Amino acid sequence: MTVLSFDEQGVDVIYDGTEFRLEKALIEEATRKDYPDVTDHEVLQMIEDDPSLSKEPRRIKEILA
């Protein structure tokens, strides 16, 4: 299971027992979108090869609101 913790500057990730951070600039470069408009599904797809995307995607600006 992957855990994502969003803040204004990026995402803290716990994936397969490993903790790391994805910075805002990296996410924007990878998605070619402004950070607030990126969805949690898009971030998860950056981390996992075949993620389970069962819930509706939420934009980072919605998560941080």
Protein backbone atom coordinates (compact mmCIF):
# COMPACT_ATOMS: atom_id res chain seq x y z
CA MET A 1 0.00 0.00 0.00
CA THR A 2 1.22 3.49 -0.85
CA VAL A 3 0.59 6.42 1.48
CA LEU A 4 0.59 9.97 0.08
CA SER A 5 0.73 13.07 2.32
CA PHE A 6 0.25 16.31 0.39
CA ASP A 7 1.37 19.80 1.38
CA GLU A 8 1.97 23.08 -0.46
CA GLN A 9 5.54 22.12 -1.44
CA GLY A 10 5.17 18.50 -2.49
CA VAL A 11 4.20 15.01 -1.42
CA ASP A 12 5.63 12.75 1.27
CA VAL A 13 5.38 9.15 0.11
CA ILE A 14 5.62 5.80 1.83
CA TYR A 15 5.91 3.08 -0.79
CA ASP A 16 6.75 -0.53 -0.02
CA GLY A 17 8.27 0.48 3.32
CA THR A 18 10.41 3.25 1.81
CA GLU A 19 9.79 6.91 2.66
CA PHE A 20 10.67 9.67 0.21
CA ARG A 21 9.50 13.07 -0.99
CA LEU A 22 8.31 14.24 -4.40
CA GLU A 23 8.89 17.97 -4.69
CA LYS A 24 6.32 20.26 -6.30
CA ALA A 25 8.64 21.13 -9.23
CA LEU A 26 9.24 17.46 -10.05
CA ILE A 27 5.50 16.72 -10.06
CA GLU A 28 4.80 19.73 -12.28
CA GLU A 29 7.55 18.70 -14.71
CA ALA A 30 6.36 15.10 -14.88
CA THR A 31 2.68 15.95 -15.36
CA ARG A 32 3.12 19.23 -17.30
CA LYS A 33 0.45 20.77 -15.06
CA ASP A 34 0.41 23.33 -12.27
CA TYR A 35 0.78 21.55 -8.93
CA PRO A 36 -2.72 22.42 -7.61
CA ASP A 37 -4.32 20.90 -10.74
CA VAL A 38 -2.53 17.54 -10.50
CA THR A 39 -4.67 14.69 -9.15
CA ASP A 40 -3.79 12.16 -6.49
CA HIS A 41 -4.18 9.46 -9.16
CA GLU A 42 -1.52 11.10 -11.33
CA VAL A 43 0.91 11.21 -8.40
CA LEU A 44 0.18 7.58 -7.56
CA GLN A 45 0.84 6.59 -11.18
CA MET A 46 4.27 8.24 -10.93
CA ILE A 47 5.11 5.85 -8.09
CA GLU A 48 3.40 2.54 -8.86
CA ASP A 49 3.43 0.55 -12.11
CA ASP A 50 -0.19 -0.59 -11.87
CA PRO A 51 -1.92 1.28 -9.02
CA SER A 52 -5.41 0.48 -7.79
CA LEU A 53 -7.44 3.57 -8.68
CA SER A 54 -10.79 2.70 -7.14
CA LYS A 55 -11.86 6.12 -5.83
CA GLU A 56 -12.56 9.28 -7.82
CA PRO A 57 -9.41 11.35 -8.49
CA ARG A 58 -9.00 14.48 -6.39
CA ARG A 59 -6.97 17.54 -7.34
CA ILE A 60 -4.25 18.61 -4.94
CA LYS A 61 -6.00 21.96 -4.44
CA GLU A 62 -9.08 20.04 -3.20
CA ILE A 63 -7.00 17.90 -0.87
CA LEU A 64 -5.26 20.95 0.65
CA ALA A 65 -8.48 22.97 1.06
